[in-house]
């Protein structure tokens, strides 16, 4: 289909906009990934699509198009972590320390990254793994290698400067074909939406109210675990384990972020252990966070 028809479908206002079918969304995404439309057309569509807004069927069609171009590499005994590609601004990443606790459990952590995407302007996972030595059970995949077409859209997205549907689609590309995945969510209404979009890909799929939209737990919040069509909600609180890590509310530099990883405080280490315990429960290796934390 001519790409202009897709722009018309999402960009003519509430009375004339319409949802795309699965096949239309897949075709639309294929054209965008191959950059067949002009960059102005791509930007116009992405803005209109977000404002319409996107449907579950459209997301699934777009992800199917990505899957056809993705280079998969299975990682056994792994948890896929869905980080936002616009990074973290105020707090360091904790996954390298979490991985150390999970290494003896035989669990690999899969992390994806690329150049910075809009719109948060944070520190990316790619910057972290390029500047420190991560444990062997951290499996990092660079998008320029597993889905170069999406990586090549960075300039267009940065010029637009806004969050788009891509910020959701890119979080869990499924490269590692993991059976378990965790991603962050800000608000409860998005839980069902994320489960409908991604849940069928995994044996167990978890969403957490993680720090800065990541799958990293820094404070009290909710967790949802989806399995066999059911979603179970849990309240998780590191303070209940005697952890008193103080989150930063100010922006930090890459150097400051890395320093907290290479020379972590006692509280940050305990927080990493807590996250590892949560991940063991999500994976299905332990029945409770208390049991997992104690054994770690």
C-alpha atoms as a PDB file:
ATOM      1  CA  UNK A   1       0.000   0.000   0.000  1.00  0.00           C
ATOM      2  CA  UNK A   2       1.137   3.557  -0.671  1.00  0.00           C
ATOM      3  CA  UNK A   3       2.557   4.944   2.555  1.00  0.00           C
ATOM      4  CA  UNK A   4       0.536   8.166   2.244  1.00  0.00           C
ATOM      5  CA  UNK A   5      -2.590   6.096   2.962  1.00  0.00           C
ATOM      6  CA  UNK A   6      -1.169   5.164   6.351  1.00  0.00           C
ATOM      7  CA  UNK A   7      -0.497   8.831   7.139  1.00  0.00           C
ATOM      8  CA  UNK A   8      -4.083   9.601   6.173  1.00  0.00           C
ATOM      9  CA  UNK A   9      -5.326   6.834   8.475  1.00  0.00           C
ATOM     10  CA  UNK A  10      -3.690   8.345  11.566  1.00  0.00           C
ATOM     11  CA  UNK A  11      -3.313  12.024  10.736  1.00  0.00           C
ATOM     12  CA  UNK A  12      -6.676  13.439   9.640  1.00  0.00           C
ATOM     13  CA  UNK A  13      -8.319  13.972  13.017  1.00  0.00           C
ATOM     14  CA  UNK A  14     -10.617  12.067  15.401  1.00  0.00           C
ATOM     15  CA  UNK A  15     -13.538  11.874  12.952  1.00  0.00           C
ATOM     16  CA  UNK A  16     -11.551  10.460  10.041  1.00  0.00           C
ATOM     17  CA  UNK A  17      -8.747   8.519  11.698  1.00  0.00           C
ATOM     18  CA  UNK A  18      -8.973   4.751  11.625  1.00  0.00           C
ATOM     19  CA  UNK A  19      -7.054   1.831  13.084  1.00  0.00           C
ATOM     20  CA  UNK A  20      -4.757  -0.234  10.888  1.00  0.00           C
ATOM     21  CA  UNK A  21      -5.251  -3.970  10.502  1.00  0.00           C
ATOM     22  CA  UNK A  22      -2.480  -6.385  11.509  1.00  0.00           C
ATOM     23  CA  UNK A  23      -1.361  -6.736   7.893  1.00  0.00           C
ATOM     24  CA  UNK A  24      -1.457  -2.983   7.289  1.00  0.00           C
ATOM     25  CA  UNK A  25       0.603  -2.342  10.438  1.00  0.00           C
ATOM     26  CA  UNK A  26       3.111  -4.969   9.367  1.00  0.00           C
ATOM     27  CA  UNK A  27       3.411  -3.429   5.901  1.00  0.00           C
ATOM     28  CA  UNK A  28       3.688   0.064   7.371  1.00  0.00           C
ATOM     29  CA  UNK A  29       6.496  -1.012   9.694  1.00  0.00           C
ATOM     30  CA  UNK A  30       8.329  -2.892   6.961  1.00  0.00           C
ATOM     31  CA  UNK A  31       8.308   0.218   4.775  1.00  0.00           C
ATOM     32  CA  UNK A  32       9.570   2.370   7.659  1.00  0.00           C
ATOM     33  CA  UNK A  33      12.349  -0.063   8.586  1.00  0.00           C
ATOM     34  CA  UNK A  34      13.525  -0.134   4.989  1.00  0.00           C
ATOM     35  CA  UNK A  35      13.136   3.685   4.856  1.00  0.00           C
ATOM     36  CA  UNK A  36      11.134   3.495   1.659  1.00  0.00           C
ATOM     37  CA  UNK A  37       9.022   6.596   2.566  1.00  0.00           C
ATOM     38  CA  UNK A  38      10.602  10.035   2.884  1.00  0.00           C
ATOM     39  CA  UNK A  39      11.872  10.870   6.383  1.00  0.00           C
ATOM     40  CA  UNK A  40       9.194  13.589   6.644  1.00  0.00           C
ATOM     41  CA  UNK A  41       6.526  10.968   5.950  1.00  0.00           C
ATOM     42  CA  UNK A  42       7.943   8.631   8.604  1.00  0.00           C
ATOM     43  CA  UNK A  43       8.009  11.411  11.211  1.00  0.00           C
ATOM     44  CA  UNK A  44       4.484  12.532  10.303  1.00  0.00           C
ATOM     45  CA  UNK A  45       3.146   9.003  10.638  1.00  0.00           C
ATOM     46  CA  UNK A  46       4.863   8.347  13.974  1.00  0.00           C
ATOM     47  CA  UNK A  47       3.446  11.553  15.452  1.00  0.00           C
ATOM     48  CA  UNK A  48      -0.070  10.892  14.136  1.00  0.00           C
ATOM     49  CA  UNK A  49       0.042   7.252  15.228  1.00  0.00           C
ATOM     50  CA  UNK A  50       0.882   8.198  18.802  1.00  0.00           C
ATOM     51  CA  UNK A  51      -1.853  10.816  18.955  1.00  0.00           C
ATOM     52  CA  UNK A  52      -4.497   8.491  17.469  1.00  0.00           C
ATOM     53  CA  UNK A  53      -3.390   6.336  19.569  1.00  0.00           C
ATOM     54  CA  UNK A  54      -1.899   2.896  18.749  1.00  0.00           C
ATOM     55  CA  UNK A  55      -3.907  -0.332  19.126  1.00  0.00           C
ATOM     56  CA  UNK A  56      -2.770  -3.762  20.320  1.00  0.00           C
ATOM     57  CA  UNK A  57      -3.285  -5.179  16.819  1.00  0.00           C
ATOM     58  CA  UNK A  58      -1.149  -2.426  15.313  1.00  0.00           C
ATOM     59  CA  UNK A  59       1.624  -3.067  17.809  1.00  0.00           C
ATOM     60  CA  UNK A  60       1.543  -6.783  17.015  1.00  0.00           C
ATOM     61  CA  UNK A  61       1.703  -6.142  13.282  1.00  0.00           C
ATOM     62  CA  UNK A  62       4.642  -3.754  13.709  1.00  0.00           C
ATOM     63  CA  UNK A  63       6.492  -6.246  15.916  1.00  0.00           C
ATOM     64  CA  UNK A  64       5.909  -8.999  13.335  1.00  0.00           C
ATOM     65  CA  UNK A  65       7.640  -6.798  10.745  1.00  0.00           C
ATOM     66  CA  UNK A  66      10.591  -6.293  13.113  1.00  0.00           C
ATOM     67  CA  UNK A  67      10.795 -10.031  13.752  1.00  0.00           C
ATOM     68  CA  UNK A  68      11.210 -10.755  10.049  1.00  0.00           C
ATOM     69  CA  UNK A  69      14.350  -8.596   9.953  1.00  0.00           C
ATOM     70  CA  UNK A  70      15.776  -9.478  13.380  1.00  0.00           C
ATOM     71  CA  UNK A  71      18.810 -11.728  13.760  1.00  0.00           C
ATOM     72  CA  UNK A  72      17.963 -14.057  16.648  1.00  0.00           C
ATOM     73  CA  UNK A  73      20.514 -15.746  18.900  1.00  0.00           C
ATOM     74  CA  UNK A  74      19.066 -17.991  21.583  1.00  0.00           C
ATOM     75  CA  UNK A  75      20.412 -17.647  25.121  1.00  0.00           C
ATOM     76  CA  UNK A  76      19.537 -20.581  27.354  1.00  0.00           C
ATOM     77  CA  UNK A  77      18.411 -20.079  30.962  1.00  0.00           C
ATOM     78  CA  UNK A  78      17.950 -16.377  30.440  1.00  0.00           C
ATOM     79  CA  UNK A  79      15.805 -13.478  31.530  1.00  0.00           C
ATOM     80  CA  UNK A  80      15.232 -10.788  28.914  1.00  0.00           C
ATOM     81  CA  UNK A  81      15.319  -7.322  30.479  1.00  0.00           C
ATOM     82  CA  UNK A  82      13.333  -4.643  28.685  1.00  0.00           C
ATOM     83  CA  UNK A  83      15.122  -1.350  29.250  1.00  0.00           C
ATOM     84  CA  UNK A  84      13.973   1.938  27.693  1.00  0.00           C
ATOM     85  CA  UNK A  85      16.345   3.086  24.972  1.00  0.00           C
ATOM     86  CA  UNK A  86      16.196   6.698  26.189  1.00  0.00           C
ATOM     87  CA  UNK A  87      18.276   5.727  29.207  1.00  0.00           C
ATOM     88  CA  UNK A  88      18.401   6.602  32.912  1.00  0.00           C
ATOM     89  CA  UNK A  89      19.093  10.144  34.090  1.00  0.00           C
ATOM     90  CA  UNK A  90      19.109  10.143  37.878  1.00  0.00           C
ATOM     91  CA  UNK A  91      20.282   6.747  39.078  1.00  0.00           C
ATOM     92  CA  UNK A  92      22.883   4.158  38.085  1.00  0.00           C
ATOM     93  CA  UNK A  93      22.048   0.862  36.420  1.00  0.00           C
ATOM     94  CA  UNK A  94      22.173  -2.103  38.764  1.00  0.00           C
ATOM     95  CA  UNK A  95      21.991  -5.083  36.382  1.00  0.00           C
ATOM     96  CA  UNK A  96      25.771  -5.859  36.434  1.00  0.00           C
ATOM     97  CA  UNK A  97      25.587  -6.338  40.209  1.00  0.00           C
ATOM     98  CA  UNK A  98      22.332  -8.305  39.995  1.00  0.00           C
ATOM     99  CA  UNK A  99      23.990 -10.628  37.482  1.00  0.00           C
ATOM    100  CA  UNK A 100      26.733 -11.474  39.997  1.00  0.00           C
ATOM    101  CA  UNK A 101      24.127 -12.834  42.409  1.00  0.00           C
ATOM    102  CA  UNK A 102      22.386 -14.824  39.656  1.00  0.00           C
ATOM    103  CA  UNK A 103      25.547 -16.323  38.159  1.00  0.00           C
ATOM    104  CA  UNK A 104      25.684 -19.227  40.621  1.00  0.00           C
ATOM    105  CA  UNK A 105      22.005 -19.875  39.887  1.00  0.00           C
ATOM    106  CA  UNK A 106      22.899 -20.407  36.230  1.00  0.00           C
ATOM    107  CA  UNK A 107      20.717 -17.545  35.012  1.00  0.00           C
ATOM    108  CA  UNK A 108      21.794 -15.190  32.224  1.00  0.00           C
ATOM    109  CA  UNK A 109      20.553 -11.608  31.969  1.00  0.00           C
ATOM    110  CA  UNK A 110      19.877 -10.371  28.449  1.00  0.00           C
ATOM    111  CA  UNK A 111      20.230  -6.619  27.872  1.00  0.00           C
ATOM    112  CA  UNK A 112      19.769  -4.642  24.653  1.00  0.00           C
ATOM    113  CA  UNK A 113      21.122  -1.262  23.659  1.00  0.00           C
ATOM    114  CA  UNK A 114      21.800   1.261  20.946  1.00  0.00           C
ATOM    115  CA  UNK A 115      22.577   4.923  20.482  1.00  0.00           C
ATOM    116  CA  UNK A 116      20.425   7.229  22.619  1.00  0.00           C
ATOM    117  CA  UNK A 117      16.793   7.506  21.512  1.00  0.00           C
ATOM    118  CA  UNK A 118      14.304  10.257  22.447  1.00  0.00           C
ATOM    119  CA  UNK A 119      13.109  11.660  24.691  1.00  0.00           C
ATOM    120  CA  UNK A 120      14.554  11.335  28.221  1.00  0.00           C
ATOM    121  CA  UNK A 121      18.190  12.041  27.366  1.00  0.00           C
ATOM    122  CA  UNK A 122      19.588   9.583  29.865  1.00  0.00           C
ATOM    123  CA  UNK A 123      22.590   7.256  30.109  1.00  0.00           C
ATOM    124  CA  UNK A 124      22.147   4.157  27.957  1.00  0.00           C
ATOM    125  CA  UNK A 125      22.825   0.480  28.641  1.00  0.00           C
ATOM    126  CA  UNK A 126      25.258   0.561  25.724  1.00  0.00           C
ATOM    127  CA  UNK A 127      27.357   3.223  27.431  1.00  0.00           C
ATOM    128  CA  UNK A 128      27.505   1.101  30.565  1.00  0.00           C
ATOM    129  CA  UNK A 129      28.656  -2.147  28.907  1.00  0.00           C
ATOM    130  CA  UNK A 130      31.191  -0.256  26.797  1.00  0.00           C
ATOM    131  CA  UNK A 131      32.833   1.252  29.875  1.00  0.00           C
ATOM    132  CA  UNK A 132      32.928  -1.521  32.474  1.00  0.00           C
ATOM    133  CA  UNK A 133      33.580  -5.257  32.467  1.00  0.00           C
ATOM    134  CA  UNK A 134      30.249  -6.974  33.053  1.00  0.00           C
ATOM    135  CA  UNK A 135      29.848 -10.509  34.465  1.00  0.00           C
ATOM    136  CA  UNK A 136      29.882 -13.345  31.937  1.00  0.00           C
ATOM    137  CA  UNK A 137      26.176 -13.992  32.461  1.00  0.00           C
ATOM    138  CA  UNK A 138      25.279 -10.538  31.132  1.00  0.00           C
ATOM    139  CA  UNK A 139      24.519 -11.047  27.449  1.00  0.00           C
ATOM    140  CA  UNK A 140      24.442  -7.686  25.690  1.00  0.00           C
ATOM    141  CA  UNK A 141      23.011  -7.316  22.197  1.00  0.00           C
ATOM    142  CA  UNK A 142      23.711  -4.184  20.153  1.00  0.00           C
ATOM    143  CA  UNK A 143      20.783  -3.246  17.935  1.00  0.00           C
ATOM    144  CA  UNK A 144      23.014  -2.220  15.065  1.00  0.00           C
ATOM    145  CA  UNK A 145      23.818  -5.934  14.805  1.00  0.00           C
ATOM    146  CA  UNK A 146      20.452  -7.612  15.484  1.00  0.00           C
ATOM    147  CA  UNK A 147      18.155  -5.057  13.801  1.00  0.00           C
ATOM    148  CA  UNK A 148      20.239  -2.492  11.940  1.00  0.00           C
ATOM    149  CA  UNK A 149      17.175  -1.131  10.157  1.00  0.00           C
ATOM    150  CA  UNK A 150      15.704   0.114  13.434  1.00  0.00           C
ATOM    151  CA  UNK A 151      19.045   1.505  14.581  1.00  0.00           C
ATOM    152  CA  UNK A 152      19.334   3.425  11.329  1.00  0.00           C
ATOM    153  CA  UNK A 153      16.113   5.307  12.187  1.00  0.00           C
ATOM    154  CA  UNK A 154      17.798   7.008  15.141  1.00  0.00           C
ATOM    155  CA  UNK A 155      18.491  10.276  13.311  1.00  0.00           C
ATOM    156  CA  UNK A 156      14.868  10.654  12.194  1.00  0.00           C
ATOM    157  CA  UNK A 157      13.624   9.916  15.702  1.00  0.00           C
ATOM    158  CA  UNK A 158      16.041  12.351  17.323  1.00  0.00           C
ATOM    159  CA  UNK A 159      14.971  15.088  14.929  1.00  0.00           C
ATOM    160  CA  UNK A 160      11.356  14.439  15.888  1.00  0.00           C
ATOM    161  CA  UNK A 161      12.475  14.536  19.515  1.00  0.00           C
ATOM    162  CA  UNK A 162       9.377  12.854  20.944  1.00  0.00           C
ATOM    163  CA  UNK A 163       8.398   9.480  22.329  1.00  0.00           C
ATOM    164  CA  UNK A 164       6.705   7.320  19.722  1.00  0.00           C
ATOM    165  CA  UNK A 165       5.356   3.773  19.446  1.00  0.00           C
ATOM    166  CA  UNK A 166       8.945   2.694  18.814  1.00  0.00           C
ATOM    167  CA  UNK A 167       9.742   3.347  22.504  1.00  0.00           C
ATOM    168  CA  UNK A 168       7.359   0.512  23.354  1.00  0.00           C
ATOM    169  CA  UNK A 169       8.158  -1.831  20.463  1.00  0.00           C
ATOM    170  CA  UNK A 170      11.931  -1.759  20.960  1.00  0.00           C
ATOM    171  CA  UNK A 171      12.004  -2.685  24.663  1.00  0.00           C
ATOM    172  CA  UNK A 172      11.549  -6.435  24.148  1.00  0.00           C
ATOM    173  CA  UNK A 173      12.851  -7.503  20.713  1.00  0.00           C
ATOM    174  CA  UNK A 174      13.067 -11.155  21.744  1.00  0.00           C
ATOM    175  CA  UNK A 175      16.494 -11.673  20.190  1.00  0.00           C
ATOM    176  CA  UNK A 176      17.564 -14.164  22.868  1.00  0.00           C
ATOM    177  CA  UNK A 177      14.318 -16.170  22.626  1.00  0.00           C
ATOM    178  CA  UNK A 178      14.185 -16.154  26.407  1.00  0.00           C
ATOM    179  CA  UNK A 179      11.333 -17.902  28.180  1.00  0.00           C
ATOM    180  CA  UNK A 180      11.134 -15.163  30.820  1.00  0.00           C
ATOM    181  CA  UNK A 181      11.072 -11.389  30.436  1.00  0.00           C
ATOM    182  CA  UNK A 182      10.804  -8.374  32.725  1.00  0.00           C
ATOM    183  CA  UNK A 183      10.144  -4.792  31.792  1.00  0.00           C
ATOM    184  CA  UNK A 184       9.204  -1.599  33.582  1.00  0.00           C
ATOM    185  CA  UNK A 185       5.818   0.078  33.613  1.00  0.00           C
ATOM    186  CA  UNK A 186       4.780   3.417  35.110  1.00  0.00           C
ATOM    187  CA  UNK A 187       1.030   3.010  35.520  1.00  0.00           C
ATOM    188  CA  UNK A 188      -1.293   0.062  36.180  1.00  0.00           C
ATOM    189  CA  UNK A 189      -3.464   0.613  33.040  1.00  0.00           C
ATOM    190  CA  UNK A 190      -0.415  -0.222  30.902  1.00  0.00           C
ATOM    191  CA  UNK A 191       0.009  -3.647  32.499  1.00  0.00           C
ATOM    192  CA  UNK A 192      -2.787  -5.339  30.541  1.00  0.00           C
ATOM    193  CA  UNK A 193      -1.663  -3.553  27.375  1.00  0.00           C
ATOM    194  CA  UNK A 194       1.932  -4.801  27.694  1.00  0.00           C
ATOM    195  CA  UNK A 195       0.775  -8.325  28.500  1.00  0.00           C
ATOM    196  CA  UNK A 196      -1.421  -8.349  25.383  1.00  0.00           C
ATOM    197  CA  UNK A 197       1.432  -7.071  23.220  1.00  0.00           C
ATOM    198  CA  UNK A 198       4.308  -9.185  24.547  1.00  0.00           C
ATOM    199  CA  UNK A 199       2.993 -11.781  26.974  1.00  0.00           C
ATOM    200  CA  UNK A 200       2.402 -14.665  24.556  1.00  0.00           C
ATOM    201  CA  UNK A 201       6.109 -14.728  23.670  1.00  0.00           C
ATOM    202  CA  UNK A 202       7.143 -15.874  27.140  1.00  0.00           C
ATOM    203  CA  UNK A 203       6.530 -18.629  29.663  1.00  0.00           C
ATOM    204  CA  UNK A 204       6.514 -15.991  32.386  1.00  0.00           C
ATOM    205  CA  UNK A 205       6.275 -12.263  31.771  1.00  0.00           C
ATOM    206  CA  UNK A 206       6.655  -9.675  34.544  1.00  0.00           C
ATOM    207  CA  UNK A 207       6.109  -5.944  34.774  1.00  0.00           C
ATOM    208  CA  UNK A 208       7.468  -3.880  37.635  1.00  0.00           C
ATOM    209  CA  UNK A 209       7.182  -0.273  38.704  1.00  0.00           C
ATOM    210  CA  UNK A 210      10.902   0.020  38.224  1.00  0.00           C
ATOM    211  CA  UNK A 211      13.264   2.931  38.623  1.00  0.00           C
ATOM    212  CA  UNK A 212      12.911   5.386  35.709  1.00  0.00           C
ATOM    213  CA  UNK A 213      10.812   2.915  33.732  1.00  0.00           C
ATOM    214  CA  UNK A 214      13.419   0.149  33.909  1.00  0.00           C
ATOM    215  CA  UNK A 215      13.072  -3.421  35.245  1.00  0.00           C
ATOM    216  CA  UNK A 216      15.169  -2.365  38.261  1.00  0.00           C
ATOM    217  CA  UNK A 217      13.492  -2.050  41.671  1.00  0.00           C
ATOM    218  CA  UNK A 218      14.798   0.763  43.855  1.00  0.00           C
ATOM    219  CA  UNK A 219      11.780   1.414  46.099  1.00  0.00           C
ATOM    220  CA  UNK A 220       8.378   0.115  47.128  1.00  0.00           C
ATOM    221  CA  UNK A 221       6.031  -0.618  44.262  1.00  0.00           C
ATOM    222  CA  UNK A 222       3.932  -3.172  42.447  1.00  0.00           C
ATOM    223  CA  UNK A 223       4.888  -6.183  40.371  1.00  0.00           C
ATOM    224  CA  UNK A 224       2.692  -8.159  38.011  1.00  0.00           C
ATOM    225  CA  UNK A 225       3.519 -11.670  36.795  1.00  0.00           C
ATOM    226  CA  UNK A 226       1.649 -13.041  33.781  1.00  0.00           C
ATOM    227  CA  UNK A 227       1.524 -16.776  33.124  1.00  0.00           C
ATOM    228  CA  UNK A 228      -1.016 -19.024  31.402  1.00  0.00           C
ATOM    229  CA  UNK A 229      -3.367 -16.134  30.773  1.00  0.00           C
ATOM    230  CA  UNK A 230      -3.455 -14.991  34.416  1.00  0.00           C
ATOM    231  CA  UNK A 231      -1.938 -11.826  35.876  1.00  0.00           C
ATOM    232  CA  UNK A 232      -1.012 -11.823  39.570  1.00  0.00           C
ATOM    233  CA  UNK A 233      -0.191  -8.598  41.368  1.00  0.00           C
ATOM    234  CA  UNK A 234       2.355  -8.332  44.185  1.00  0.00           C
ATOM    235  CA  UNK A 235       3.585  -5.495  46.396  1.00  0.00           C
ATOM    236  CA  UNK A 236       7.357  -5.413  46.773  1.00  0.00           C
ATOM    237  CA  UNK A 237       9.297  -3.293  49.226  1.00  0.00           C
ATOM    238  CA  UNK A 238      13.090  -3.330  49.703  1.00  0.00           C
ATOM    239  CA  UNK A 239      12.672  -1.489  53.022  1.00  0.00           C
ATOM    240  CA  UNK A 240      11.062  -4.645  54.419  1.00  0.00           C
ATOM    241  CA  UNK A 241      14.471  -6.309  53.937  1.00  0.00           C
ATOM    242  CA  UNK A 242      16.346  -3.589  55.791  1.00  0.00           C
ATOM    243  CA  UNK A 243      17.487  -1.865  52.591  1.00  0.00           C
ATOM    244  CA  UNK A 244      17.670   1.910  52.843  1.00  0.00           C
ATOM    245  CA  UNK A 245      19.156   2.977  49.536  1.00  0.00           C
ATOM    246  CA  UNK A 246      18.404   6.629  48.799  1.00  0.00           C
ATOM    247  CA  UNK A 247      17.413   7.303  45.205  1.00  0.00           C
ATOM    248  CA  UNK A 248      18.856  10.341  43.486  1.00  0.00           C
ATOM    249  CA  UNK A 249      16.473  13.047  42.307  1.00  0.00           C
ATOM    250  CA  UNK A 250      19.190  14.943  40.435  1.00  0.00           C
ATOM    251  CA  UNK A 251      20.726  14.115  37.072  1.00  0.00           C
ATOM    252  CA  UNK A 252      24.018  12.230  37.241  1.00  0.00           C
ATOM    253  CA  UNK A 253      26.878  11.899  34.764  1.00  0.00           C
ATOM    254  CA  UNK A 254      28.044   8.680  33.129  1.00  0.00           C
ATOM    255  CA  UNK A 255      31.166   8.800  35.308  1.00  0.00           C
ATOM    256  CA  UNK A 256      29.081   9.061  38.487  1.00  0.00           C
ATOM    257  CA  UNK A 257      26.863   6.203  37.325  1.00  0.00           C
ATOM    258  CA  UNK A 258      29.814   3.934  36.581  1.00  0.00           C
ATOM    259  CA  UNK A 259      31.499   4.815  39.899  1.00  0.00           C
ATOM    260  CA  UNK A 260      28.508   3.466  41.810  1.00  0.00           C
ATOM    261  CA  UNK A 261      28.838   0.199  39.896  1.00  0.00           C
ATOM    262  CA  UNK A 262      32.588  -0.229  40.238  1.00  0.00           C
ATOM    263  CA  UNK A 263      32.676   0.894  43.873  1.00  0.00           C
ATOM    264  CA  UNK A 264      29.166   0.175  45.174  1.00  0.00           C
ATOM    265  CA  UNK A 265      27.969   1.103  48.640  1.00  0.00           C
ATOM    266  CA  UNK A 266      26.748  -1.579  51.030  1.00  0.00           C
ATOM    267  CA  UNK A 267      23.143  -0.478  50.503  1.00  0.00           C
ATOM    268  CA  UNK A 268      23.499  -0.634  46.722  1.00  0.00           C
ATOM    269  CA  UNK A 269      24.845  -4.191  46.983  1.00  0.00           C
ATOM    270  CA  UNK A 270      21.909  -5.173  49.197  1.00  0.00           C
ATOM    271  CA  UNK A 271      19.569  -3.592  46.650  1.00  0.00           C
ATOM    272  CA  UNK A 272      21.174  -5.679  43.893  1.00  0.00           C
ATOM    273  CA  UNK A 273      20.671  -8.789  46.007  1.00  0.00           C
ATOM    274  CA  UNK A 274      17.018  -7.834  46.472  1.00  0.00           C
ATOM    275  CA  UNK A 275      16.548  -7.429  42.718  1.00  0.00           C
ATOM    276  CA  UNK A 276      18.193 -10.804  42.140  1.00  0.00           C
ATOM    277  CA  UNK A 277      15.759 -12.390  44.630  1.00  0.00           C
ATOM    278  CA  UNK A 278      12.807 -10.849  42.797  1.00  0.00           C
ATOM    279  CA  UNK A 279      14.137 -12.144  39.478  1.00  0.00           C
ATOM    280  CA  UNK A 280      14.430 -15.670  40.910  1.00  0.00           C
ATOM    281  CA  UNK A 281      10.754 -15.541  41.881  1.00  0.00           C
ATOM    282  CA  UNK A 282       9.772 -14.231  38.459  1.00  0.00           C
ATOM    283  CA  UNK A 283      11.814 -16.967  36.800  1.00  0.00           C
ATOM    284  CA  UNK A 284      10.042 -19.559  38.909  1.00  0.00           C
ATOM    285  CA  UNK A 285      13.098 -20.818  40.779  1.00  0.00           C
ATOM    286  CA  UNK A 286      11.889 -19.615  44.187  1.00  0.00           C
ATOM    287  CA  UNK A 287       8.453 -19.358  45.761  1.00  0.00           C
ATOM    288  CA  UNK A 288       9.030 -16.131  47.657  1.00  0.00           C
ATOM    289  CA  UNK A 289      11.344 -13.133  47.678  1.00  0.00           C
ATOM    290  CA  UNK A 290      12.098 -13.835  51.342  1.00  0.00           C
ATOM    291  CA  UNK A 291      13.284 -17.368  50.557  1.00  0.00           C
ATOM    292  CA  UNK A 292      15.362 -16.220  47.583  1.00  0.00           C
ATOM    293  CA  UNK A 293      16.931 -13.286  49.455  1.00  0.00           C
ATOM    294  CA  UNK A 294      17.888 -15.508  52.375  1.00  0.00           C
ATOM    295  CA  UNK A 295      19.505 -18.144  50.170  1.00  0.00           C
ATOM    296  CA  UNK A 296      21.399 -15.593  48.097  1.00  0.00           C
END
